[in-house]
Amino acid sequence: MFRLARPFAVFLLVVILCQWLTGVYGKLLDGSHDEASHYLTSLLVRDYLAGGLSWHPLRYAENYYLHYPKIALGHWPPVFYLLNGLWLLAFPFGSGSLFALLAVTTAGLTTRIFLYVKRDAPEWAAWLVGLLFLTLSPVYSSFIQLMSELVLAWLVLEAWLAFSRWMQAPTIARGVGFSLWSSLALLTKALGAGLAFLPPAALLLASRRNLLLKPSLILSGCLVAAAVAPWYFLAPGARHEASGHKFAGLLGVNPPARVASDAAEQRGLPIHLTELAYRAERSLRAVPLLFRWLGPVLLLSLLGIWRSARLGDADALAVAGLLLAYLVFRFVLVSAAWEPRMLIPLLAPCLCFVWAGRAYFSFPHASAVLAALLICTGGYNLHAGHRPVGHPAGEAAAWIASSSSAKYPAILVSGSGALEGSITAAVADCDRQRPSRYVVRASKLLSVSSWASDVYLPKANTEDEVLRSLDSVPIDLVVLSPLTPRSMPHSVLLDHTVRANPGRFRRVQLRDQSLEIYEMVRREDAPPNSAPKIDMFLFGLGRSLSTQ
C-alpha cells in the first residue's frame, strides 16, 4: 500500500500546490467557455440527487437551465457529472471542492504512469516522467481549469492496458474488462469513441487479424454498444461532434461543408478532394502539437514503442494501435471545435515508453542525458505553455452573487460566453434554494448564435428594441463587462442603451470596476411583479424552452 501511497501523495501535493499558486480556489470559472458549463451541470446532478429524485429528471433539468443557462444538458455524456455530483454531495464546498477532486484524479493518473515506467526503469526515471506529465502544457491547463479531459485520459489508459491484456489472452473476462473501461470513456466524453478503432488498428499492426472474429471481442463490442447506445442515440443532442452544427443547420448553414466548398472554389478542385484534404489536415494537426510539447521525448517514446512492438510486447502493439486509432478517428469524425487538450488521452500511454526508447542509446552517461532531457522538456512547458486560469472573484462578482433574490430575481449578464457562464455559476453557488434567481445571458436574449458561434444573428438592432427585450422579462439587474475590440454587436448596443438611458439604469457604486452593475428601473405602466418570462434555445435538446 505504501508503494502506491507515496507517489500518489507526492503528485497530489504538486498538483494542489500548482492550483493554489495559480489561484484556482478563488477564481471565477471563466478560464474556458466550458468551465462554468461543467460546474453548473455537476451542480444540477448534485441538487437533483439531494432533492430525493422527486422530479422527472428532464423537467428538472429544463427548469434548472432556465434559471442558470450555462448547462450542457445532453451535449456531453453523464459520467463526469455523476462523479462530480456525488463528490459535491459529500463535500459541498463549491467549485473549490471539484478542483480538489480534479487534483485527486490527476495524481491518480500520474501514479499509474509512474508505476508503469517503474516496472523496467530506475525509480528516478519514473519520478521524472511523472513530473514531466504534470508540467505538459495541456495537462497543466486541464487541472487549473474545470475540465473532463484528465478523467477521460485515465479511462483511456485503463482501456489500453485492458486491451493489451486481452491480446495476450483473449478470454471473455478480459474482453469484458476492455468493454467496461471503453464504455466509461465513451460516457465521459465523445472523444472516447476513438477506442472503437483500437482493436482493428492494434490487431492489424500486430498481424493478428484472426483475433478480430474472436467471440470475446465481438461480445466486448456488443457490451459497449449496449452501454452507450441509449445515451448517444436516445438523449437529444448527445452526439457531441454533430450537435455543435445542429442549430447552425436550422439556420441553413453547414460549417464543414462550407469550408470544403469554399476551398474547392478557391483552388479549382473537386469538392471531394478538398474535403479529404480538410479531414487529413484536422487529423494530422496532432503531430506538430505533440512534438511542440514533448520534443525529443516524443521521439524516444516512439522509438520505445517501435522497439517493444518488434519484440512482440502487447502493450506496445496496443499503444501503437491507439495512436493510429485516434488519427483515424479524427479523420472520420471531424470535430466542430478542435482543441489541443483533446490530445491528452494520448500523452500518458506515450510517456510510458520513454525508458524503452532509451535502450537504443548505449553511449556513456545516456541516463544522465535522458534525465536532463526530461527536465528541460518540463521546464520548457512551464515557461512557454499557455495557461488561461481565469479572473479572480472580485468584489463586483461577489456583490452580484450575494445580491437579494427578492429584490433582483432576474439578472442580465453581458460579456463573453465564459464571463456570462462564470457569473451564472457564482449566482447559482450563492442561491440557498436552487434553482431560485434567474440569470439571463445577453447573448441569448439579444442574439441567436450556434454552439461554436460560427453563426450569429442579432435579435435587437436599436436601443428601443433592446429596452423592449429587457422589459419583456423584466430584468432587475444589468451586469456589463468592459467592451473590447472583440465584443459582439449585441453587447455594444446594450452598453450604448444603458448609457443613453440614465433614467432607466441606476449605477451600483463599488470600488471594484471590473464589472459595471446597474439597477433597472421598471416603467410606470409595467405590470405588477410576476415570474420572469424567458425563452431560450437549449442545444442539448435541439428546441426552445420557456418559463411560461
Foldseek 3Di string as FASTA:
>chain_A
DVLLVVQLVVQLVVLVVLLVVVPLLFFFQQLDLCQLQLQLLLVLLLVCVVVVVPDDSVVSVLVQCQFQVSHQQQQAFCLSSVVSSVQCNVVVDAPNSLLSVLSSLLSNLLSVLLVLLVVPDPNVLSVLLSLLLCLQQLNVQPSLHPDLLSVLLSLLVQLLVLVLVCVVPVDLVSLQSNLVSLLSSCNGGVLSCLVVQLVVLLCVLLVNVVCVPPPSNVVSVVSSCVSCVCSVPVQFNNNNQCLLCLVVVVVVDDVLQVVLVVVCVVVVHDSVVSSQVVLLCQLCVLPVVVCVLQPVLLVLLVQLLVVCVVVVRSSSSSLSSSSVSSSVVCSVRPHPDDDNSSCSSNSSSSSSRNVSSLVVDDDPCSVVVSSVSSVVSSVCSNVPHDHSNHGGCDPVLLCLLQPDCVQFQEEEEEDDSSVLSSSSSSNQSSDPDPPTGHYHYLQFQFWDAGPVRPDIGGPDDALVSVCVSCLQQPGFKYKAADDDPPGDPSNVRVVVSCVVCVVQWAWDDDPDVRMTMTTGDHDPPRDPDDHGWDWGQNSSNRGIDIPD
